[in-house]
PDB file of N, CA and C in Angstrom:
ATOM      1  N   MET A   1      -4.282   1.537 -24.880  1.00  0.00           N
ATOM      2  CA  MET A   1      -3.071   0.568 -25.127  1.00  0.00           C
ATOM      3  C   MET A   1      -2.695   0.178 -26.503  1.00  0.00           C
ATOM      4  N   GLU A   2      -1.765   0.284 -26.889  1.00  0.00           N
ATOM      5  CA  GLU A   2      -1.403  -0.246 -28.246  1.00  0.00           C
ATOM      6  C   GLU A   2      -1.145  -1.687 -28.372  1.00  0.00           C
ATOM      7  N   PHE A   3      -1.456  -2.352 -29.502  1.00  0.00           N
ATOM      8  CA  PHE A   3      -1.205  -3.845 -29.605  1.00  0.00           C
ATOM      9  C   PHE A   3       0.268  -4.076 -29.376  1.00  0.00           C
ATOM     10  N   GLY A   4       1.222  -3.219 -29.964  1.00  0.00           N
ATOM     11  CA  GLY A   4       2.519  -3.199 -30.067  1.00  0.00           C
ATOM     12  C   GLY A   4       3.364  -3.123 -28.770  1.00  0.00           C
ATOM     13  N   ASP A   5       2.498  -2.296 -27.941  1.00  0.00           N
ATOM     14  CA  ASP A   5       3.038  -1.776 -26.423  1.00  0.00           C
ATOM     15  C   ASP A   5       3.587  -3.279 -25.884  1.00  0.00           C
ATOM     16  N   TYR A   6       4.597  -3.388 -25.248  1.00  0.00           N
ATOM     17  CA  TYR A   6       4.971  -4.490 -24.234  1.00  0.00           C
ATOM     18  C   TYR A   6       4.877  -4.113 -22.799  1.00  0.00           C
ATOM     19  N   TYR A   7       4.104  -5.021 -22.164  1.00  0.00           N
ATOM     20  CA  TYR A   7       3.736  -4.614 -20.729  1.00  0.00           C
ATOM     21  C   TYR A   7       3.222  -6.044 -20.066  1.00  0.00           C
ATOM     22  N   TRP A   8       3.156  -6.162 -18.820  1.00  0.00           N
ATOM     23  CA  TRP A   8       2.761  -7.286 -17.917  1.00  0.00           C
ATOM     24  C   TRP A   8       1.448  -6.826 -17.403  1.00  0.00           C
ATOM     25  N   PRO A   9       0.469  -7.602 -17.579  1.00  0.00           N
ATOM     26  CA  PRO A   9      -0.914  -7.248 -17.251  1.00  0.00           C
ATOM     27  C   PRO A   9      -1.306  -7.345 -15.676  1.00  0.00           C
ATOM     28  N   ASP A  10      -0.570  -7.323 -14.874  1.00  0.00           N
ATOM     29  CA  ASP A  10      -1.013  -7.415 -13.391  1.00  0.00           C
ATOM     30  C   ASP A  10      -1.964  -6.160 -13.076  1.00  0.00           C
ATOM     31  N   TYR A  11      -1.854  -4.936 -13.807  1.00  0.00           N
ATOM     32  CA  TYR A  11      -2.695  -4.009 -13.685  1.00  0.00           C
ATOM     33  C   TYR A  11      -4.251  -4.377 -13.739  1.00  0.00           C
ATOM     34  N   VAL A  12      -4.239  -5.580 -14.222  1.00  0.00           N
ATOM     35  CA  VAL A  12      -6.007  -5.965 -14.754  1.00  0.00           C
ATOM     36  C   VAL A  12      -6.463  -6.328 -12.951  1.00  0.00           C
ATOM     37  N   PHE A  13      -5.570  -6.721 -12.290  1.00  0.00           N
ATOM     38  CA  PHE A  13      -6.075  -7.016 -10.639  1.00  0.00           C
ATOM     39  C   PHE A  13      -6.120  -5.308  -9.819  1.00  0.00           C
ATOM     40  N   ASP A  14      -5.571  -4.224 -10.408  1.00  0.00           N
ATOM     41  CA  ASP A  14      -5.847  -3.112  -9.810  1.00  0.00           C
ATOM     42  C   ASP A  14      -7.256  -2.733  -9.487  1.00  0.00           C
ATOM     43  N   LYS A  15      -7.447  -2.231  -8.232  1.00  0.00           N
ATOM     44  CA  LYS A  15      -8.983  -1.959  -7.670  1.00  0.00           C
ATOM     45  C   LYS A  15      -9.421  -0.857  -9.027  1.00  0.00           C
ATOM     46  N   ASN A  16      -8.674  -0.150  -9.537  1.00  0.00           N
ATOM     47  CA  ASN A  16      -9.304   0.874 -10.511  1.00  0.00           C
ATOM     48  C   ASN A  16      -9.256   0.343 -11.907  1.00  0.00           C
ATOM     49  N   TYR A  17      -8.978  -0.977 -12.274  1.00  0.00           N
ATOM     50  CA  TYR A  17      -9.107  -1.267 -13.614  1.00  0.00           C
ATOM     51  C   TYR A  17     -10.430  -1.051 -14.208  1.00  0.00           C
ATOM     52  N   ASP A  18     -10.555  -0.887 -15.478  1.00  0.00           N
ATOM     53  CA  ASP A  18     -11.824  -0.553 -15.963  1.00  0.00           C
ATOM     54  C   ASP A  18     -12.250  -1.855 -16.983  1.00  0.00           C
ATOM     55  N   LEU A  19     -12.881  -2.891 -15.831  1.00  0.00           N
ATOM     56  CA  LEU A  19     -13.020  -3.973 -16.511  1.00  0.00           C
ATOM     57  C   LEU A  19     -14.309  -3.806 -17.607  1.00  0.00           C
ATOM     58  N   MET A  20     -14.553  -4.227 -18.835  1.00  0.00           N
ATOM     59  CA  MET A  20     -15.410  -4.095 -19.779  1.00  0.00           C
ATOM     60  C   MET A  20     -16.656  -4.866 -19.213  1.00  0.00           C
ATOM     61  N   GLU A  21     -17.926  -4.012 -19.280  1.00  0.00           N
ATOM     62  CA  GLU A  21     -19.042  -4.594 -18.946  1.00  0.00           C
ATOM     63  C   GLU A  21     -19.341  -5.870 -20.061  1.00  0.00           C
ATOM     64  N   LEU A  22     -20.038  -6.981 -19.592  1.00  0.00           N
ATOM     65  CA  LEU A  22     -20.260  -8.085 -20.466  1.00  0.00           C
ATOM     66  C   LEU A  22     -20.958  -7.689 -21.638  1.00  0.00           C
ATOM     67  N   ALA A  23     -22.144  -6.810 -21.461  1.00  0.00           N
ATOM     68  CA  ALA A  23     -22.944  -6.589 -22.496  1.00  0.00           C
ATOM     69  C   ALA A  23     -22.101  -5.563 -23.613  1.00  0.00           C
ATOM     70  N   TYR A  24     -21.396  -4.748 -23.255  1.00  0.00           N
ATOM     71  CA  TYR A  24     -20.321  -4.249 -24.142  1.00  0.00           C
ATOM     72  C   TYR A  24     -19.422  -5.030 -24.944  1.00  0.00           C
ATOM     73  N   LEU A  25     -18.913  -6.179 -24.262  1.00  0.00           N
ATOM     74  CA  LEU A  25     -18.063  -6.924 -24.650  1.00  0.00           C
ATOM     75  C   LEU A  25     -18.593  -7.802 -25.557  1.00  0.00           C
ATOM     76  N   LYS A  26     -20.092  -8.306 -25.390  1.00  0.00           N
ATOM     77  CA  LYS A  26     -20.717  -9.176 -26.300  1.00  0.00           C
ATOM     78  C   LYS A  26     -20.873  -8.171 -27.611  1.00  0.00           C
ATOM     79  N   LEU A  27     -21.115  -6.756 -27.528  1.00  0.00           N
ATOM     80  CA  LEU A  27     -21.422  -6.055 -28.509  1.00  0.00           C
ATOM     81  C   LEU A  27     -19.974  -5.941 -29.413  1.00  0.00           C
ATOM     82  N   PHE A  28     -18.719  -5.810 -28.789  1.00  0.00           N
ATOM     83  CA  PHE A  28     -18.012  -5.909 -29.601  1.00  0.00           C
ATOM     84  C   PHE A  28     -17.327  -6.972 -30.175  1.00  0.00           C
ATOM     85  N   ILE A  29     -17.812  -8.088 -29.522  1.00  0.00           N
ATOM     86  CA  ILE A  29     -17.462  -9.367 -30.280  1.00  0.00           C
ATOM     87  C   ILE A  29     -18.495  -9.495 -31.500  1.00  0.00           C
ATOM     88  N   SER A  30     -19.668  -9.000 -31.228  1.00  0.00           N
ATOM     89  CA  SER A  30     -20.505  -9.191 -32.593  1.00  0.00           C
ATOM     90  C   SER A  30     -20.144  -8.378 -33.560  1.00  0.00           C
ATOM     91  N   GLU A  31     -19.642  -7.136 -33.434  1.00  0.00           N
ATOM     92  CA  GLU A  31     -19.241  -6.196 -34.553  1.00  0.00           C
ATOM     93  C   GLU A  31     -17.987  -6.678 -35.099  1.00  0.00           C
ATOM     94  N   HIS A  32     -16.900  -6.911 -34.096  1.00  0.00           N
ATOM     95  CA  HIS A  32     -15.495  -6.954 -34.899  1.00  0.00           C
ATOM     96  C   HIS A  32     -15.241  -8.398 -34.975  1.00  0.00           C
ATOM     97  N   ARG A  33     -15.876  -9.311 -34.283  1.00  0.00           N
ATOM     98  CA  ARG A  33     -15.735 -11.037 -34.340  1.00  0.00           C
ATOM     99  C   ARG A  33     -14.222 -11.221 -33.934  1.00  0.00           C
ATOM    100  N   HIS A  34     -13.835 -10.563 -32.981  1.00  0.00           N
ATOM    101  CA  HIS A  34     -12.378 -10.871 -32.152  1.00  0.00           C
ATOM    102  C   HIS A  34     -12.444 -10.090 -30.879  1.00  0.00           C
ATOM    103  N   LEU A  35     -11.797 -10.516 -29.860  1.00  0.00           N
ATOM    104  CA  LEU A  35     -11.956  -9.883 -28.518  1.00  0.00           C
ATOM    105  C   LEU A  35     -11.124  -8.476 -28.492  1.00  0.00           C
ATOM    106  N   PRO A  36     -11.533  -7.709 -27.562  1.00  0.00           N
ATOM    107  CA  PRO A  36     -10.831  -6.105 -27.619  1.00  0.00           C
ATOM    108  C   PRO A  36      -9.379  -6.306 -27.264  1.00  0.00           C
ATOM    109  N   ASN A  37      -8.465  -5.764 -28.095  1.00  0.00           N
ATOM    110  CA  ASN A  37      -6.951  -5.551 -27.688  1.00  0.00           C
ATOM    111  C   ASN A  37      -6.109  -6.883 -28.588  1.00  0.00           C
ATOM    112  N   VAL A  38      -7.246  -7.868 -28.968  1.00  0.00           N
ATOM    113  CA  VAL A  38      -6.617  -8.834 -29.871  1.00  0.00           C
ATOM    114  C   VAL A  38      -6.659  -8.660 -31.189  1.00  0.00           C
ATOM    115  N   PRO A  39      -5.569  -8.939 -31.874  1.00  0.00           N
ATOM    116  CA  PRO A  39      -5.860  -8.570 -33.431  1.00  0.00           C
ATOM    117  C   PRO A  39      -6.765  -9.555 -34.053  1.00  0.00           C
ATOM    118  N   SER A  40      -7.059  -9.105 -35.137  1.00  0.00           N
ATOM    119  CA  SER A  40      -8.037  -9.905 -35.943  1.00  0.00           C
ATOM    120  C   SER A  40      -7.203 -10.650 -36.839  1.00  0.00           C
ATOM    121  N   LYS A  41      -7.872 -11.822 -37.394  1.00  0.00           N
ATOM    122  CA  LYS A  41      -7.287 -12.863 -38.289  1.00  0.00           C
ATOM    123  C   LYS A  41      -6.506 -11.760 -39.378  1.00  0.00           C
ATOM    124  N   ASN A  42      -7.140 -10.872 -39.902  1.00  0.00           N
ATOM    125  CA  ASN A  42      -6.818 -10.211 -41.043  1.00  0.00           C
ATOM    126  C   ASN A  42      -5.371  -9.400 -40.737  1.00  0.00           C
ATOM    127  N   GLU A  43      -5.555  -8.937 -39.439  1.00  0.00           N
ATOM    128  CA  GLU A  43      -4.255  -8.099 -39.024  1.00  0.00           C
ATOM    129  C   GLU A  43      -3.101  -8.935 -38.733  1.00  0.00           C
ATOM    130  N   VAL A  44      -3.595  -9.949 -38.395  1.00  0.00           N
ATOM    131  CA  VAL A  44      -2.180 -11.184 -38.255  1.00  0.00           C
ATOM    132  C   VAL A  44      -1.902 -11.807 -39.489  1.00  0.00           C
ATOM    133  N   ALA A  45      -2.743 -11.999 -40.476  1.00  0.00           N
ATOM    134  CA  ALA A  45      -2.372 -12.419 -41.715  1.00  0.00           C
ATOM    135  C   ALA A  45      -1.399 -11.355 -42.357  1.00  0.00           C
ATOM    136  N   ILE A  46      -1.755  -9.975 -42.278  1.00  0.00           N
ATOM    137  CA  ILE A  46      -0.958  -8.989 -43.016  1.00  0.00           C
ATOM    138  C   ILE A  46       0.355  -8.618 -42.274  1.00  0.00           C
ATOM    139  N   GLU A  47       0.277  -8.436 -40.879  1.00  0.00           N
ATOM    140  CA  GLU A  47       1.248  -8.145 -39.885  1.00  0.00           C
ATOM    141  C   GLU A  47       2.173  -9.017 -39.263  1.00  0.00           C
ATOM    142  N   GLY A  48       1.561 -10.411 -39.013  1.00  0.00           N
ATOM    143  CA  GLY A  48       2.033 -11.578 -38.509  1.00  0.00           C
ATOM    144  C   GLY A  48       1.768 -10.996 -36.873  1.00  0.00           C
ATOM    145  N   VAL A  49       2.436 -11.775 -36.127  1.00  0.00           N
ATOM    146  CA  VAL A  49       2.484 -11.533 -34.628  1.00  0.00           C
ATOM    147  C   VAL A  49       3.483 -11.731 -33.852  1.00  0.00           C
ATOM    148  N   ASP A  50       3.836 -11.111 -32.834  1.00  0.00           N
ATOM    149  CA  ASP A  50       4.768 -11.185 -32.101  1.00  0.00           C
ATOM    150  C   ASP A  50       4.576 -11.892 -30.695  1.00  0.00           C
ATOM    151  N   LEU A  51       5.046 -13.268 -30.802  1.00  0.00           N
ATOM    152  CA  LEU A  51       4.576 -14.148 -29.824  1.00  0.00           C
ATOM    153  C   LEU A  51       4.658 -13.885 -28.325  1.00  0.00           C
ATOM    154  N   GLY A  52       5.663 -12.971 -27.833  1.00  0.00           N
ATOM    155  CA  GLY A  52       5.818 -12.408 -26.780  1.00  0.00           C
ATOM    156  C   GLY A  52       4.664 -11.578 -26.135  1.00  0.00           C
ATOM    157  N   VAL A  53       4.534 -10.819 -27.186  1.00  0.00           N
ATOM    158  CA  VAL A  53       3.196  -9.710 -27.100  1.00  0.00           C
ATOM    159  C   VAL A  53       2.096 -10.603 -26.918  1.00  0.00           C
ATOM    160  N   MET A  54       1.750 -11.381 -27.776  1.00  0.00           N
ATOM    161  CA  MET A  54       0.489 -12.166 -27.991  1.00  0.00           C
ATOM    162  C   MET A  54       0.265 -13.034 -26.600  1.00  0.00           C
ATOM    163  N   THR A  55       1.364 -13.509 -25.918  1.00  0.00           N
ATOM    164  CA  THR A  55       1.493 -14.122 -24.589  1.00  0.00           C
ATOM    165  C   THR A  55       0.997 -13.181 -23.611  1.00  0.00           C
ATOM    166  N   THR A  56       1.432 -12.008 -23.584  1.00  0.00           N
ATOM    167  CA  THR A  56       1.049 -11.123 -22.549  1.00  0.00           C
ATOM    168  C   THR A  56      -0.359 -10.872 -22.946  1.00  0.00           C
ATOM    169  N   VAL A  57      -1.067 -10.349 -24.069  1.00  0.00           N
ATOM    170  CA  VAL A  57      -2.195 -10.226 -24.076  1.00  0.00           C
ATOM    171  C   VAL A  57      -3.241 -11.349 -23.888  1.00  0.00           C
ATOM    172  N   LEU A  58      -2.909 -12.465 -24.051  1.00  0.00           N
ATOM    173  CA  LEU A  58      -3.502 -13.583 -23.592  1.00  0.00           C
ATOM    174  C   LEU A  58      -3.673 -13.789 -22.228  1.00  0.00           C
ATOM    175  N   LEU A  59      -2.625 -13.472 -21.464  1.00  0.00           N
ATOM    176  CA  LEU A  59      -2.620 -13.477 -19.972  1.00  0.00           C
ATOM    177  C   LEU A  59      -3.618 -12.304 -19.511  1.00  0.00           C
ATOM    178  N   GLN A  60      -3.546 -11.210 -20.133  1.00  0.00           N
ATOM    179  CA  GLN A  60      -4.541 -10.104 -19.829  1.00  0.00           C
ATOM    180  C   GLN A  60      -5.900 -10.679 -19.849  1.00  0.00           C
ATOM    181  N   LYS A  61      -6.157 -11.607 -20.863  1.00  0.00           N
ATOM    182  CA  LYS A  61      -7.691 -11.971 -21.130  1.00  0.00           C
ATOM    183  C   LYS A  61      -7.936 -12.939 -20.062  1.00  0.00           C
ATOM    184  N   ILE A  62      -6.796 -13.617 -19.692  1.00  0.00           N
ATOM    185  CA  ILE A  62      -7.052 -14.967 -18.621  1.00  0.00           C
ATOM    186  C   ILE A  62      -7.509 -14.147 -17.565  1.00  0.00           C
ATOM    187  N   GLU A  63      -6.609 -12.804 -17.014  1.00  0.00           N
ATOM    188  CA  GLU A  63      -6.864 -12.235 -15.812  1.00  0.00           C
ATOM    189  C   GLU A  63      -8.158 -11.640 -15.808  1.00  0.00           C
ATOM    190  N   GLU A  64      -8.836 -10.948 -17.026  1.00  0.00           N
ATOM    191  CA  GLU A  64      -9.947 -10.494 -17.226  1.00  0.00           C
ATOM    192  C   GLU A  64     -11.155 -11.374 -16.749  1.00  0.00           C
ATOM    193  N   LEU A  65     -10.988 -12.851 -17.484  1.00  0.00           N
ATOM    194  CA  LEU A  65     -11.937 -13.691 -17.459  1.00  0.00           C
ATOM    195  C   LEU A  65     -12.230 -14.144 -15.713  1.00  0.00           C
ATOM    196  N   THR A  66     -10.918 -14.349 -15.083  1.00  0.00           N
ATOM    197  CA  THR A  66     -10.840 -14.455 -13.639  1.00  0.00           C
ATOM    198  C   THR A  66     -11.827 -13.493 -13.075  1.00  0.00           C
ATOM    199  N   LEU A  67     -11.653 -12.179 -13.467  1.00  0.00           N
ATOM    200  CA  LEU A  67     -12.565 -11.284 -12.632  1.00  0.00           C
ATOM    201  C   LEU A  67     -13.864 -11.502 -12.904  1.00  0.00           C
ATOM    202  N   TYR A  68     -14.343 -11.694 -14.099  1.00  0.00           N
ATOM    203  CA  TYR A  68     -15.524 -11.935 -14.418  1.00  0.00           C
ATOM    204  C   TYR A  68     -16.239 -13.188 -13.705  1.00  0.00           C
ATOM    205  N   ILE A  69     -15.497 -14.279 -13.478  1.00  0.00           N
ATOM    206  CA  ILE A  69     -15.874 -15.530 -12.723  1.00  0.00           C
ATOM    207  C   ILE A  69     -16.014 -15.027 -11.300  1.00  0.00           C
ATOM    208  N   ILE A  70     -15.271 -14.224 -10.742  1.00  0.00           N
ATOM    209  CA  ILE A  70     -15.511 -13.684  -9.215  1.00  0.00           C
ATOM    210  C   ILE A  70     -16.397 -12.986  -9.174  1.00  0.00           C
ATOM    211  N   ILE A  71     -16.821 -11.881 -10.166  1.00  0.00           N
ATOM    212  CA  ILE A  71     -18.067 -11.226 -10.012  1.00  0.00           C
ATOM    213  C   ILE A  71     -19.278 -12.088 -10.100  1.00  0.00           C
ATOM    214  N   GLN A  72     -19.020 -13.250 -11.160  1.00  0.00           N
ATOM    215  CA  GLN A  72     -20.422 -13.908 -11.026  1.00  0.00           C
ATOM    216  C   GLN A  72     -20.788 -14.819  -9.943  1.00  0.00           C
ATOM    217  N   ASP A  73     -19.506 -15.373  -9.361  1.00  0.00           N
ATOM    218  CA  ASP A  73     -19.683 -16.163  -8.087  1.00  0.00           C
ATOM    219  C   ASP A  73     -20.107 -15.258  -7.001  1.00  0.00           C
ATOM    220  N   GLU A  74     -19.761 -13.837  -6.916  1.00  0.00           N
ATOM    221  CA  GLU A  74     -20.341 -13.231  -5.917  1.00  0.00           C
ATOM    222  C   GLU A  74     -21.962 -12.935  -5.988  1.00  0.00           C
ATOM    223  N   GLN A  75     -22.389 -12.864  -7.409  1.00  0.00           N
ATOM    224  CA  GLN A  75     -23.762 -12.557  -7.666  1.00  0.00           C
ATOM    225  C   GLN A  75     -24.488 -13.776  -7.487  1.00  0.00           C
ATOM    226  N   ILE A  76     -23.876 -14.877  -7.867  1.00  0.00           N
ATOM    227  CA  ILE A  76     -24.524 -16.364  -7.408  1.00  0.00           C
ATOM    228  C   ILE A  76     -24.886 -16.355  -6.097  1.00  0.00           C
ATOM    229  N   LYS A  77     -24.064 -16.016  -5.031  1.00  0.00           N
ATOM    230  CA  LYS A  77     -23.907 -16.290  -3.591  1.00  0.00           C
ATOM    231  C   LYS A  77     -25.034 -15.385  -3.221  1.00  0.00           C
ATOM    232  N   GLU A  78     -25.067 -14.077  -3.609  1.00  0.00           N
ATOM    233  CA  GLU A  78     -25.989 -13.124  -3.233  1.00  0.00           C
ATOM    234  C   GLU A  78     -27.487 -13.545  -3.655  1.00  0.00           C
ATOM    235  N   LEU A  79     -27.627 -14.215  -4.727  1.00  0.00           N
ATOM    236  CA  LEU A  79     -28.830 -14.742  -5.213  1.00  0.00           C
ATOM    237  C   LEU A  79     -29.457 -15.975  -4.261  1.00  0.00           C
ATOM    238  N   ARG A  80     -28.476 -16.829  -4.241  1.00  0.00           N
ATOM    239  CA  ARG A  80     -28.514 -17.883  -3.088  1.00  0.00           C
ATOM    240  C   ARG A  80     -29.116 -17.518  -1.673  1.00  0.00           C
ATOM    241  N   ASN A  81     -28.537 -16.409  -0.961  1.00  0.00           N
ATOM    242  CA  ASN A  81     -28.810 -15.824   0.238  1.00  0.00           C
ATOM    243  C   ASN A  81     -29.985 -15.128   0.074  1.00  0.00           C
ATOM    244  N   GLU A  82     -30.424 -14.390  -0.901  1.00  0.00           N
ATOM    245  CA  GLU A  82     -32.008 -14.050  -1.044  1.00  0.00           C
ATOM    246  C   GLU A  82     -32.974 -14.910  -1.091  1.00  0.00           C
ATOM    247  N   MET A  83     -32.700 -16.188  -1.939  1.00  0.00           N
ATOM    248  CA  MET A  83     -33.529 -17.193  -2.065  1.00  0.00           C
ATOM    249  C   MET A  83     -33.825 -17.761  -0.700  1.00  0.00           C
ATOM    250  N   ASN A  84     -32.638 -17.862   0.170  1.00  0.00           N
ATOM    251  CA  ASN A  84     -32.918 -18.514   1.650  1.00  0.00           C
ATOM    252  C   ASN A  84     -33.686 -17.781   2.631  1.00  0.00           C
ATOM    253  N   ILE A  85     -33.627 -16.509   2.137  1.00  0.00           N
ATOM    254  CA  ILE A  85     -34.424 -15.442   3.070  1.00  0.00           C
ATOM    255  C   ILE A  85     -35.951 -15.517   2.789  1.00  0.00           C
ATOM    256  N   LEU A  86     -36.065 -15.662   1.416  1.00  0.00           N
ATOM    257  CA  LEU A  86     -37.453 -15.884   0.798  1.00  0.00           C
ATOM    258  C   LEU A  86     -38.025 -17.360   1.194  1.00  0.00           C
ATOM    259  N   LYS A  87     -37.137 -18.322   1.575  1.00  0.00           N
ATOM    260  CA  LYS A  87     -37.803 -19.692   1.882  1.00  0.00           C
ATOM    261  C   LYS A  87     -38.600 -19.393   3.338  1.00  0.00           C
TER     262      LYS A  87
END
Protein backbone atom coordinates (compact mmCIF):
# COMPACT_ATOMS: atom_id res chain seq x y z
CA MET A 1 0.00 0.00 0.00
CA GLU A 2 1.36 3.36 -0.98
CA PHE A 3 0.51 6.22 1.36
CA GLY A 4 -0.85 8.24 -1.55
CA ASP A 5 -3.28 5.54 -2.68
CA TYR A 6 -6.91 6.31 -1.84
CA TYR A 7 -8.91 3.37 -0.52
CA TRP A 8 -11.41 2.53 2.19
CA PRO A 9 -10.06 0.07 4.76
CA ASP A 10 -12.98 -2.36 5.06
CA TYR A 11 -10.46 -4.98 3.88
CA VAL A 12 -9.03 -4.96 7.43
CA PHE A 13 -11.96 -7.15 8.49
CA ASP A 14 -11.42 -9.69 5.70
CA LYS A 15 -10.42 -13.12 7.02
CA ASN A 16 -7.22 -13.03 4.94
CA TYR A 17 -6.05 -9.63 6.25
CA ASP A 18 -2.47 -9.89 7.47
CA LEU A 19 -2.66 -8.17 10.86
CA MET A 20 0.83 -7.34 12.04
CA GLU A 21 2.01 -9.29 15.09
CA LEU A 22 2.24 -7.02 18.13
CA ALA A 23 5.90 -7.88 18.68
CA TYR A 24 6.73 -6.75 15.14
CA LEU A 25 4.58 -3.64 15.57
CA LYS A 26 6.48 -2.79 18.76
CA LEU A 27 9.78 -3.22 16.92
CA PHE A 28 8.58 -1.06 14.00
CA ILE A 29 7.52 1.72 16.37
CA SER A 30 10.81 1.48 18.24
CA GLU A 31 12.81 1.80 15.02
CA HIS A 32 10.70 4.33 13.11
CA ARG A 33 8.90 6.23 15.89
CA HIS A 34 5.56 6.14 14.05
CA LEU A 35 2.96 3.57 13.02
CA PRO A 36 3.31 1.58 9.80
CA ASN A 37 1.61 3.27 6.81
CA VAL A 38 1.41 6.54 8.74
CA PRO A 39 3.77 9.25 7.54
CA SER A 40 6.47 10.44 9.90
CA LYS A 41 6.51 14.03 11.14
CA ASN A 42 9.38 14.71 8.73
CA GLU A 43 7.37 13.40 5.76
CA VAL A 44 4.42 15.56 6.77
CA ALA A 45 6.66 18.61 7.22
CA ILE A 46 8.11 18.16 3.73
CA GLU A 47 5.15 16.80 1.76
CA GLY A 48 2.16 17.95 3.81
CA VAL A 49 -0.79 15.67 4.32
CA ASP A 50 -3.98 14.99 2.39
CA LEU A 51 -6.69 15.01 5.07
CA GLY A 52 -8.91 12.62 3.11
CA VAL A 53 -6.11 10.09 2.84
CA MET A 54 -5.10 10.62 6.47
CA THR A 55 -8.68 10.04 7.64
CA THR A 56 -8.66 6.75 5.76
CA VAL A 57 -5.31 5.73 7.23
CA LEU A 58 -6.54 6.55 10.72
CA LEU A 59 -9.69 4.48 10.15
CA GLN A 60 -7.45 1.58 9.11
CA LYS A 61 -5.54 1.94 12.38
CA ILE A 62 -8.79 2.06 14.39
CA GLU A 63 -9.99 -1.10 12.66
CA GLU A 64 -6.66 -2.82 13.37
CA LEU A 65 -6.88 -1.77 17.03
CA THR A 66 -10.38 -3.26 17.14
CA LEU A 67 -9.00 -6.56 15.88
CA TYR A 68 -6.22 -6.51 18.48
CA ILE A 69 -8.81 -5.92 21.21
CA ILE A 70 -10.97 -8.79 19.96
CA ILE A 71 -7.95 -11.13 19.89
CA GLN A 72 -6.91 -10.11 23.41
CA ASP A 73 -10.47 -10.54 24.68
CA GLU A 74 -10.53 -14.08 23.28
CA GLN A 75 -7.17 -14.82 24.93
CA ILE A 76 -8.41 -13.48 28.28
CA LYS A 77 -11.53 -15.67 28.07
CA GLU A 78 -9.40 -18.73 27.30
CA LEU A 79 -7.11 -17.99 30.25
CA ARG A 80 -10.11 -17.54 32.56
CA ASN A 81 -11.53 -20.87 31.41
CA GLU A 82 -8.18 -22.55 32.04
CA MET A 83 -7.99 -21.00 35.51
CA ASN A 84 -11.51 -22.19 36.32
CA ILE A 85 -10.60 -25.72 35.25
CA LEU A 86 -7.53 -25.68 37.51
CA LYS A 87 -9.56 -24.59 40.56
